[in-house]
Amino acid sequence: MIRKVLLSFFSFAILLNSEIVTASVVSNLHPSLIVSSGYTRMGGAQSVWLADTPEPGLENTYSTGGKQQGTFLLGLALEKTFTTPVNNFETAMGVEVDYLKNASMTGGIVQPMVNVDPNFDTLNYAYSMKSYLLLATARASKLNILPKLGAYLQGGVGAALNKLTHYTETSPDGSSSAPMLAPFGDGSNKKFAYSIGAGVVCQVGKSSQVLIGYRYINSGMGGFKTSPVQQTNNTLHFSPITHHFLTLTLSV
């Protein structure tokens, strides 16, 4: 459903731009700097079969830690803007490159040996996350709703490279469970990504703008490689990976 809405939005923007564009290709190009702060959610619990021997084997269940605070985004964009001669309506098409990072994804819980007894003492696990995004973007803005202040709606589609690294396990106080002998390996996954956002736009000077708003990004799936001591090829992975940001954009 979200993908259909995004495709409809892009189709509308392209159609509108085709009707109003009279400027040259190189005019009205605006670079932007994007800074965002927010949180990340990793998709649901899963069970991973790690070993067949000794009997009865080993299966662990991994639950996620809910909101992962401390995610930030740094991005660069280049947009071409098109302004209608009436109603102060502006559209923009462009390309954007983003870097996302959360160095301390915590709160996950490991339930060891659930194939034997689901009530064994638990472990905590943590890791780091990085994502690199390349998006084609479209934005529609209504300018001067108030003097120099308007509103915008934005969408983007493209690809993400998600990296999960530095997997660790620790025993909480009172737990008799021991961390795994060797951690899962660092993993990378390339996936489809999309974003949607909305907020306010403030006109600064003749051509510069400051945009402040909310942004949702779905960067697909991320996972680890196998541990060198496990006997199977099963991996720990998370889907979807979603991010919620308060975003500040400076366009010049």
C-alpha atoms as a PDB file:
ATOM      1  CA  MET A   1       0.000   0.000   0.000  1.00  0.00           C
ATOM      2  CA  ILE A   2       2.808   2.445   0.932  1.00  0.00           C
ATOM      3  CA  ARG A   3       4.662   1.645  -2.289  1.00  0.00           C
ATOM      4  CA  LYS A   4       1.512   2.385  -4.333  1.00  0.00           C
ATOM      5  CA  VAL A   5       1.081   5.743  -2.562  1.00  0.00           C
ATOM      6  CA  LEU A   6       4.725   6.650  -3.220  1.00  0.00           C
ATOM      7  CA  LEU A   7       4.476   5.681  -6.895  1.00  0.00           C
ATOM      8  CA  SER A   8       1.293   7.760  -7.234  1.00  0.00           C
ATOM      9  CA  PHE A   9       3.026  10.707  -5.582  1.00  0.00           C
ATOM     10  CA  PHE A  10       6.019  10.451  -7.939  1.00  0.00           C
ATOM     11  CA  SER A  11       3.709  10.164 -10.974  1.00  0.00           C
ATOM     12  CA  PHE A  12       1.829  13.291  -9.888  1.00  0.00           C
ATOM     13  CA  ALA A  13       5.056  15.247  -9.379  1.00  0.00           C
ATOM     14  CA  ILE A  14       6.442  14.218 -12.779  1.00  0.00           C
ATOM     15  CA  LEU A  15       3.171  15.105 -14.526  1.00  0.00           C
ATOM     16  CA  LEU A  16       2.985  18.474 -12.806  1.00  0.00           C
ATOM     17  CA  ASN A  17       6.583  19.298 -13.585  1.00  0.00           C
ATOM     18  CA  SER A  18       6.135  18.392 -17.264  1.00  0.00           C
ATOM     19  CA  GLU A  19       3.394  21.022 -17.505  1.00  0.00           C
ATOM     20  CA  ILE A  20       5.183  23.879 -15.785  1.00  0.00           C
ATOM     21  CA  VAL A  21       8.874  23.468 -16.673  1.00  0.00           C
ATOM     22  CA  THR A  22      10.141  26.126 -19.073  1.00  0.00           C
ATOM     23  CA  ALA A  23      13.589  26.746 -17.563  1.00  0.00           C
ATOM     24  CA  SER A  24      16.791  25.139 -18.771  1.00  0.00           C
ATOM     25  CA  VAL A  25      18.063  21.861 -17.345  1.00  0.00           C
ATOM     26  CA  VAL A  26      20.794  23.480 -15.241  1.00  0.00           C
ATOM     27  CA  SER A  27      18.700  26.274 -13.714  1.00  0.00           C
ATOM     28  CA  ASN A  28      17.060  26.088 -10.286  1.00  0.00           C
ATOM     29  CA  LEU A  29      19.425  23.386  -8.993  1.00  0.00           C
ATOM     30  CA  HIS A  30      19.738  23.480  -5.205  1.00  0.00           C
ATOM     31  CA  PRO A  31      22.146  21.472  -3.020  1.00  0.00           C
ATOM     32  CA  SER A  32      20.938  20.564   0.467  1.00  0.00           C
ATOM     33  CA  LEU A  33      22.450  19.457   3.752  1.00  0.00           C
ATOM     34  CA  ILE A  34      20.279  17.127   5.860  1.00  0.00           C
ATOM     35  CA  VAL A  35      20.737  16.414   9.574  1.00  0.00           C
ATOM     36  CA  SER A  36      18.356  14.111  11.461  1.00  0.00           C
ATOM     37  CA  SER A  37      18.059  12.562  14.908  1.00  0.00           C
ATOM     38  CA  GLY A  38      15.648   9.866  16.048  1.00  0.00           C
ATOM     39  CA  TYR A  39      15.225   6.184  16.759  1.00  0.00           C
ATOM     40  CA  THR A  40      15.210   2.829  14.985  1.00  0.00           C
ATOM     41  CA  ARG A  41      12.998  -0.241  15.277  1.00  0.00           C
ATOM     42  CA  MET A  42      14.190  -3.702  14.254  1.00  0.00           C
ATOM     43  CA  GLY A  43      11.643  -6.312  13.073  1.00  0.00           C
ATOM     44  CA  GLY A  44      10.392  -9.087  15.400  1.00  0.00           C
ATOM     45  CA  ALA A  45      11.656 -12.068  17.395  1.00  0.00           C
ATOM     46  CA  GLN A  46      13.075 -15.138  15.687  1.00  0.00           C
ATOM     47  CA  SER A  47      14.490 -18.536  16.508  1.00  0.00           C
ATOM     48  CA  VAL A  48      17.846 -19.676  15.086  1.00  0.00           C
ATOM     49  CA  TRP A  49      18.963 -23.325  14.993  1.00  0.00           C
ATOM     50  CA  LEU A  50      22.692 -23.218  15.780  1.00  0.00           C
ATOM     51  CA  ALA A  51      23.865 -26.821  16.304  1.00  0.00           C
ATOM     52  CA  ASP A  52      22.801 -30.428  15.719  1.00  0.00           C
ATOM     53  CA  THR A  53      25.225 -32.092  18.116  1.00  0.00           C
ATOM     54  CA  PRO A  54      25.510 -33.032  20.858  1.00  0.00           C
ATOM     55  CA  GLU A  55      21.904 -34.146  21.156  1.00  0.00           C
ATOM     56  CA  PRO A  56      19.377 -32.585  21.335  1.00  0.00           C
ATOM     57  CA  GLY A  57      21.030 -29.719  19.426  1.00  0.00           C
ATOM     58  CA  LEU A  58      20.782 -25.987  20.119  1.00  0.00           C
ATOM     59  CA  GLU A  59      18.095 -23.481  19.174  1.00  0.00           C
ATOM     60  CA  ASN A  60      18.006 -19.945  20.559  1.00  0.00           C
ATOM     61  CA  THR A  61      15.274 -17.320  20.339  1.00  0.00           C
ATOM     62  CA  TYR A  62      16.259 -13.671  19.847  1.00  0.00           C
ATOM     63  CA  SER A  63      13.832 -10.873  20.708  1.00  0.00           C
ATOM     64  CA  THR A  64      14.373  -7.247  19.723  1.00  0.00           C
ATOM     65  CA  GLY A  65      14.726  -4.332  22.096  1.00  0.00           C
ATOM     66  CA  GLY A  66      11.936  -2.007  20.932  1.00  0.00           C
ATOM     67  CA  LYS A  67      12.905   1.601  20.265  1.00  0.00           C
ATOM     68  CA  GLN A  68      16.627   2.043  19.721  1.00  0.00           C
ATOM     69  CA  GLN A  69      17.344   5.659  20.601  1.00  0.00           C
ATOM     70  CA  GLY A  70      20.370   7.544  19.345  1.00  0.00           C
ATOM     71  CA  THR A  71      20.109   6.996  15.577  1.00  0.00           C
ATOM     72  CA  PHE A  72      21.351   9.924  13.492  1.00  0.00           C
ATOM     73  CA  LEU A  73      21.345  10.696   9.777  1.00  0.00           C
ATOM     74  CA  LEU A  74      23.616  12.906   7.717  1.00  0.00           C
ATOM     75  CA  GLY A  75      22.653  13.457   4.094  1.00  0.00           C
ATOM     76  CA  LEU A  76      23.390  15.439   0.954  1.00  0.00           C
ATOM     77  CA  ALA A  77      20.846  16.124  -1.771  1.00  0.00           C
ATOM     78  CA  LEU A  78      20.624  17.903  -5.108  1.00  0.00           C
ATOM     79  CA  GLU A  79      17.168  19.047  -6.239  1.00  0.00           C
ATOM     80  CA  LYS A  80      15.750  20.845  -9.235  1.00  0.00           C
ATOM     81  CA  THR A  81      12.822  23.041  -8.252  1.00  0.00           C
ATOM     82  CA  PHE A  82       9.816  24.143 -10.283  1.00  0.00           C
ATOM     83  CA  THR A  83       7.504  26.946  -9.117  1.00  0.00           C
ATOM     84  CA  THR A  84       4.052  27.622 -10.534  1.00  0.00           C
ATOM     85  CA  PRO A  85       3.231  31.257 -11.316  1.00  0.00           C
ATOM     86  CA  VAL A  86       0.125  31.104  -9.114  1.00  0.00           C
ATOM     87  CA  ASN A  87      -0.729  29.882  -5.626  1.00  0.00           C
ATOM     88  CA  ASN A  88       2.944  29.698  -4.534  1.00  0.00           C
ATOM     89  CA  PHE A  89       3.098  25.980  -5.264  1.00  0.00           C
ATOM     90  CA  GLU A  90       6.580  24.469  -5.657  1.00  0.00           C
ATOM     91  CA  THR A  91       7.731  21.003  -6.649  1.00  0.00           C
ATOM     92  CA  ALA A  92      11.199  19.481  -6.637  1.00  0.00           C
ATOM     93  CA  MET A  93      12.836  16.362  -8.046  1.00  0.00           C
ATOM     94  CA  GLY A  94      16.273  15.190  -7.030  1.00  0.00           C
ATOM     95  CA  VAL A  95      18.709  12.635  -5.711  1.00  0.00           C
ATOM     96  CA  GLU A  96      19.853  12.104  -2.133  1.00  0.00           C
ATOM     97  CA  VAL A  97      22.661  10.217  -0.392  1.00  0.00           C
ATOM     98  CA  ASP A  98      22.302   9.425   3.333  1.00  0.00           C
ATOM     99  CA  TYR A  99      24.454   7.905   6.063  1.00  0.00           C
ATOM    100  CA  LEU A 100      22.646   6.452   9.102  1.00  0.00           C
ATOM    101  CA  LYS A 101      24.286   5.171  12.272  1.00  0.00           C
ATOM    102  CA  ASN A 102      23.402   3.806  15.686  1.00  0.00           C
ATOM    103  CA  ALA A 103      26.507   2.657  17.540  1.00  0.00           C
ATOM    104  CA  SER A 104      24.658   1.064  20.467  1.00  0.00           C
ATOM    105  CA  MET A 105      21.647  -1.083  19.591  1.00  0.00           C
ATOM    106  CA  THR A 106      20.749  -2.607  22.970  1.00  0.00           C
ATOM    107  CA  GLY A 107      17.912  -4.289  24.794  1.00  0.00           C
ATOM    108  CA  GLY A 108      17.722  -7.522  22.802  1.00  0.00           C
ATOM    109  CA  ILE A 109      17.222 -10.725  24.784  1.00  0.00           C
ATOM    110  CA  VAL A 110      18.460 -14.244  23.997  1.00  0.00           C
ATOM    111  CA  GLN A 111      16.467 -17.222  25.278  1.00  0.00           C
ATOM    112  CA  PRO A 112      18.957 -20.119  25.002  1.00  0.00           C
ATOM    113  CA  MET A 113      18.065 -23.762  24.261  1.00  0.00           C
ATOM    114  CA  VAL A 114      14.358 -23.181  23.682  1.00  0.00           C
ATOM    115  CA  ASN A 115      14.240 -26.612  21.992  1.00  0.00           C
ATOM    116  CA  VAL A 116      14.921 -28.126  25.440  1.00  0.00           C
ATOM    117  CA  ASP A 117      13.342 -25.693  27.888  1.00  0.00           C
ATOM    118  CA  PRO A 118      12.033 -22.169  27.134  1.00  0.00           C
ATOM    119  CA  ASN A 119      12.639 -21.119  30.756  1.00  0.00           C
ATOM    120  CA  PHE A 120      16.439 -21.130  30.869  1.00  0.00           C
ATOM    121  CA  ASP A 121      18.137 -17.978  32.165  1.00  0.00           C
ATOM    122  CA  THR A 122      18.406 -15.335  29.458  1.00  0.00           C
ATOM    123  CA  LEU A 123      21.239 -13.291  27.963  1.00  0.00           C
ATOM    124  CA  ASN A 124      21.381  -9.739  26.662  1.00  0.00           C
ATOM    125  CA  TYR A 125      22.774  -8.914  23.231  1.00  0.00           C
ATOM    126  CA  ALA A 126      23.873  -5.689  21.539  1.00  0.00           C
ATOM    127  CA  TYR A 127      25.365  -4.569  18.218  1.00  0.00           C
ATOM    128  CA  SER A 128      25.991  -1.568  15.975  1.00  0.00           C
ATOM    129  CA  MET A 129      24.123  -0.520  12.831  1.00  0.00           C
ATOM    130  CA  LYS A 130      25.111   1.544   9.787  1.00  0.00           C
ATOM    131  CA  SER A 131      23.098   2.178   6.641  1.00  0.00           C
ATOM    132  CA  TYR A 132      23.945   3.895   3.364  1.00  0.00           C
ATOM    133  CA  LEU A 133      20.995   5.092   1.268  1.00  0.00           C
ATOM    134  CA  LEU A 134      20.677   6.333  -2.304  1.00  0.00           C
ATOM    135  CA  LEU A 135      17.211   7.756  -3.028  1.00  0.00           C
ATOM    136  CA  ALA A 136      15.412   9.471  -5.871  1.00  0.00           C
ATOM    137  CA  THR A 137      13.229  12.104  -4.213  1.00  0.00           C
ATOM    138  CA  ALA A 138      10.185  14.230  -4.958  1.00  0.00           C
ATOM    139  CA  ARG A 139       8.794  17.085  -2.897  1.00  0.00           C
ATOM    140  CA  ALA A 140       5.684  19.240  -3.120  1.00  0.00           C
ATOM    141  CA  SER A 141       5.522  22.492  -1.141  1.00  0.00           C
ATOM    142  CA  LYS A 142       2.881  25.126  -0.547  1.00  0.00           C
ATOM    143  CA  LEU A 143       4.818  28.335   0.106  1.00  0.00           C
ATOM    144  CA  ASN A 144       3.774  31.428   2.056  1.00  0.00           C
ATOM    145  CA  ILE A 145       0.810  29.982   3.887  1.00  0.00           C
ATOM    146  CA  LEU A 146       2.040  32.504   6.432  1.00  0.00           C
ATOM    147  CA  PRO A 147       4.641  35.140   5.512  1.00  0.00           C
ATOM    148  CA  LYS A 148       7.779  33.183   4.462  1.00  0.00           C
ATOM    149  CA  LEU A 149       6.367  29.999   6.037  1.00  0.00           C
ATOM    150  CA  GLY A 150       4.807  27.056   4.208  1.00  0.00           C
ATOM    151  CA  ALA A 151       4.380  23.270   4.317  1.00  0.00           C
ATOM    152  CA  TYR A 152       5.821  20.364   2.363  1.00  0.00           C
ATOM    153  CA  LEU A 153       5.272  16.671   1.620  1.00  0.00           C
ATOM    154  CA  GLN A 154       8.215  14.530   0.514  1.00  0.00           C
ATOM    155  CA  GLY A 155       8.841  10.976  -0.674  1.00  0.00           C
ATOM    156  CA  GLY A 156      11.807   8.929  -1.826  1.00  0.00           C
ATOM    157  CA  VAL A 157      12.568   5.493  -3.297  1.00  0.00           C
ATOM    158  CA  GLY A 158      15.879   3.758  -3.845  1.00  0.00           C
ATOM    159  CA  ALA A 159      18.300   1.315  -2.253  1.00  0.00           C
ATOM    160  CA  ALA A 160      19.965   0.770   1.121  1.00  0.00           C
ATOM    161  CA  LEU A 161      23.125  -1.009   2.199  1.00  0.00           C
ATOM    162  CA  ASN A 162      22.564  -2.119   5.806  1.00  0.00           C
ATOM    163  CA  LYS A 163      25.553  -3.180   7.927  1.00  0.00           C
ATOM    164  CA  LEU A 164      25.233  -4.883  11.332  1.00  0.00           C
ATOM    165  CA  THR A 165      28.483  -5.217  13.279  1.00  0.00           C
ATOM    166  CA  HIS A 166      30.066  -5.873  16.689  1.00  0.00           C
ATOM    167  CA  TYR A 167      27.579  -8.454  17.972  1.00  0.00           C
ATOM    168  CA  THR A 168      28.093  -9.149  21.699  1.00  0.00           C
ATOM    169  CA  GLU A 169      26.298 -11.120  24.416  1.00  0.00           C
ATOM    170  CA  THR A 170      26.382 -10.471  28.169  1.00  0.00           C
ATOM    171  CA  SER A 171      24.946 -12.291  31.181  1.00  0.00           C
ATOM    172  CA  PRO A 172      22.594 -10.161  33.288  1.00  0.00           C
ATOM    173  CA  ASP A 173      22.987 -10.221  37.059  1.00  0.00           C
ATOM    174  CA  GLY A 174      21.890 -13.580  38.468  1.00  0.00           C
ATOM    175  CA  SER A 175      21.835 -15.377  35.118  1.00  0.00           C
ATOM    176  CA  SER A 176      23.570 -18.747  34.859  1.00  0.00           C
ATOM    177  CA  SER A 177      23.676 -18.634  31.033  1.00  0.00           C
ATOM    178  CA  ALA A 178      27.050 -18.054  29.354  1.00  0.00           C
ATOM    179  CA  PRO A 179      27.561 -15.953  26.180  1.00  0.00           C
ATOM    180  CA  MET A 180      28.238 -17.797  22.919  1.00  0.00           C
ATOM    181  CA  LEU A 181      31.848 -18.863  22.390  1.00  0.00           C
ATOM    182  CA  ALA A 182      32.259 -16.762  19.227  1.00  0.00           C
ATOM    183  CA  PRO A 183      29.922 -13.957  18.132  1.00  0.00           C
ATOM    184  CA  PHE A 184      27.984 -13.747  14.876  1.00  0.00           C
ATOM    185  CA  GLY A 185      30.026 -12.239  12.047  1.00  0.00           C
ATOM    186  CA  ASP A 186      29.464  -8.737  10.680  1.00  0.00           C
ATOM    187  CA  GLY A 187      26.867  -8.725   7.889  1.00  0.00           C
ATOM    188  CA  SER A 188      25.818  -6.510   4.965  1.00  0.00           C
ATOM    189  CA  ASN A 189      22.551  -6.539   3.022  1.00  0.00           C
ATOM    190  CA  LYS A 190      21.438  -4.528  -0.017  1.00  0.00           C
ATOM    191  CA  LYS A 191      17.688  -3.871  -0.016  1.00  0.00           C
ATOM    192  CA  PHE A 192      14.951  -1.670  -1.460  1.00  0.00           C
ATOM    193  CA  ALA A 193      14.363   1.447   0.660  1.00  0.00           C
ATOM    194  CA  TYR A 194      11.771   4.205   0.765  1.00  0.00           C
ATOM    195  CA  SER A 195      10.962   7.282   2.817  1.00  0.00           C
ATOM    196  CA  ILE A 196       8.045   9.626   3.447  1.00  0.00           C
ATOM    197  CA  GLY A 197       8.020  12.904   5.322  1.00  0.00           C
ATOM    198  CA  ALA A 198       6.221  16.159   5.982  1.00  0.00           C
ATOM    199  CA  GLY A 199       6.891  19.433   7.744  1.00  0.00           C
ATOM    200  CA  VAL A 200       7.248  23.176   7.447  1.00  0.00           C
ATOM    201  CA  VAL A 201       9.398  25.168   5.029  1.00  0.00           C
ATOM    202  CA  CYS A 202      10.780  28.619   5.785  1.00  0.00           C
ATOM    203  CA  GLN A 203      12.017  30.916   3.031  1.00  0.00           C
ATOM    204  CA  VAL A 204      15.398  32.466   3.897  1.00  0.00           C
ATOM    205  CA  GLY A 205      16.553  35.162   1.547  1.00  0.00           C
ATOM    206  CA  LYS A 206      15.839  34.973  -2.164  1.00  0.00           C
ATOM    207  CA  SER A 207      16.460  31.271  -2.867  1.00  0.00           C
ATOM    208  CA  SER A 208      17.451  29.475   0.358  1.00  0.00           C
ATOM    209  CA  GLN A 209      15.047  27.400   2.446  1.00  0.00           C
ATOM    210  CA  VAL A 210      15.064  25.725   5.849  1.00  0.00           C
ATOM    211  CA  LEU A 211      12.847  22.634   6.193  1.00  0.00           C
ATOM    212  CA  ILE A 212      11.934  21.124   9.564  1.00  0.00           C
ATOM    213  CA  GLY A 213       9.790  18.012   9.780  1.00  0.00           C
ATOM    214  CA  TYR A 214       9.194  14.351  10.503  1.00  0.00           C
ATOM    215  CA  ARG A 215      10.621  11.589   8.327  1.00  0.00           C
ATOM    216  CA  TYR A 216      10.010   7.840   8.179  1.00  0.00           C
ATOM    217  CA  ILE A 217      12.544   5.588   6.438  1.00  0.00           C
ATOM    218  CA  ASN A 218      12.190   1.873   5.745  1.00  0.00           C
ATOM    219  CA  SER A 219      15.644   0.517   4.835  1.00  0.00           C
ATOM    220  CA  GLY A 220      14.625  -3.112   4.352  1.00  0.00           C
ATOM    221  CA  MET A 221      16.442  -5.977   6.045  1.00  0.00           C
ATOM    222  CA  GLY A 222      19.742  -6.439   7.863  1.00  0.00           C
ATOM    223  CA  GLY A 223      21.476  -9.468   9.322  1.00  0.00           C
ATOM    224  CA  PHE A 224      24.663 -11.057  10.597  1.00  0.00           C
ATOM    225  CA  LYS A 225      26.856 -13.758   9.144  1.00  0.00           C
ATOM    226  CA  THR A 226      27.116 -17.088  10.939  1.00  0.00           C
ATOM    227  CA  SER A 227      29.278 -17.632  14.000  1.00  0.00           C
ATOM    228  CA  PRO A 228      32.478 -19.593  13.292  1.00  0.00           C
ATOM    229  CA  VAL A 229      31.490 -22.146  15.964  1.00  0.00           C
ATOM    230  CA  GLN A 230      27.933 -22.886  14.819  1.00  0.00           C
ATOM    231  CA  GLN A 231      27.101 -26.030  12.844  1.00  0.00           C
ATOM    232  CA  THR A 232      24.383 -24.593  10.584  1.00  0.00           C
ATOM    233  CA  ASN A 233      24.052 -21.846   7.982  1.00  0.00           C
ATOM    234  CA  ASN A 234      21.127 -20.157   9.750  1.00  0.00           C
ATOM    235  CA  THR A 235      21.589 -16.445  10.399  1.00  0.00           C
ATOM    236  CA  LEU A 236      20.186 -13.846  12.748  1.00  0.00           C
ATOM    237  CA  HIS A 237      18.413 -11.145  10.723  1.00  0.00           C
ATOM    238  CA  PHE A 238      15.854  -8.384  11.203  1.00  0.00           C
ATOM    239  CA  SER A 239      13.104  -7.189   8.869  1.00  0.00           C
ATOM    240  CA  PRO A 240      11.920  -4.528   8.486  1.00  0.00           C
ATOM    241  CA  ILE A 241      14.411  -1.942   9.724  1.00  0.00           C
ATOM    242  CA  THR A 242      12.512   1.317  10.209  1.00  0.00           C
ATOM    243  CA  HIS A 243      13.693   4.741  11.309  1.00  0.00           C
ATOM    244  CA  HIS A 244      11.784   7.738  12.685  1.00  0.00           C
ATOM    245  CA  PHE A 245      13.501  11.121  12.498  1.00  0.00           C
ATOM    246  CA  LEU A 246      13.168  14.784  13.329  1.00  0.00           C
ATOM    247  CA  THR A 247      14.867  16.326  10.304  1.00  0.00           C
ATOM    248  CA  LEU A 248      16.509  19.677   9.609  1.00  0.00           C
ATOM    249  CA  THR A 249      17.331  20.497   5.969  1.00  0.00           C
ATOM    250  CA  LEU A 250      19.168  23.543   4.641  1.00  0.00           C
ATOM    251  CA  SER A 251      18.683  24.120   0.908  1.00  0.00           C
ATOM    252  CA  VAL A 252      20.650  26.862  -0.863  1.00  0.00           C
END
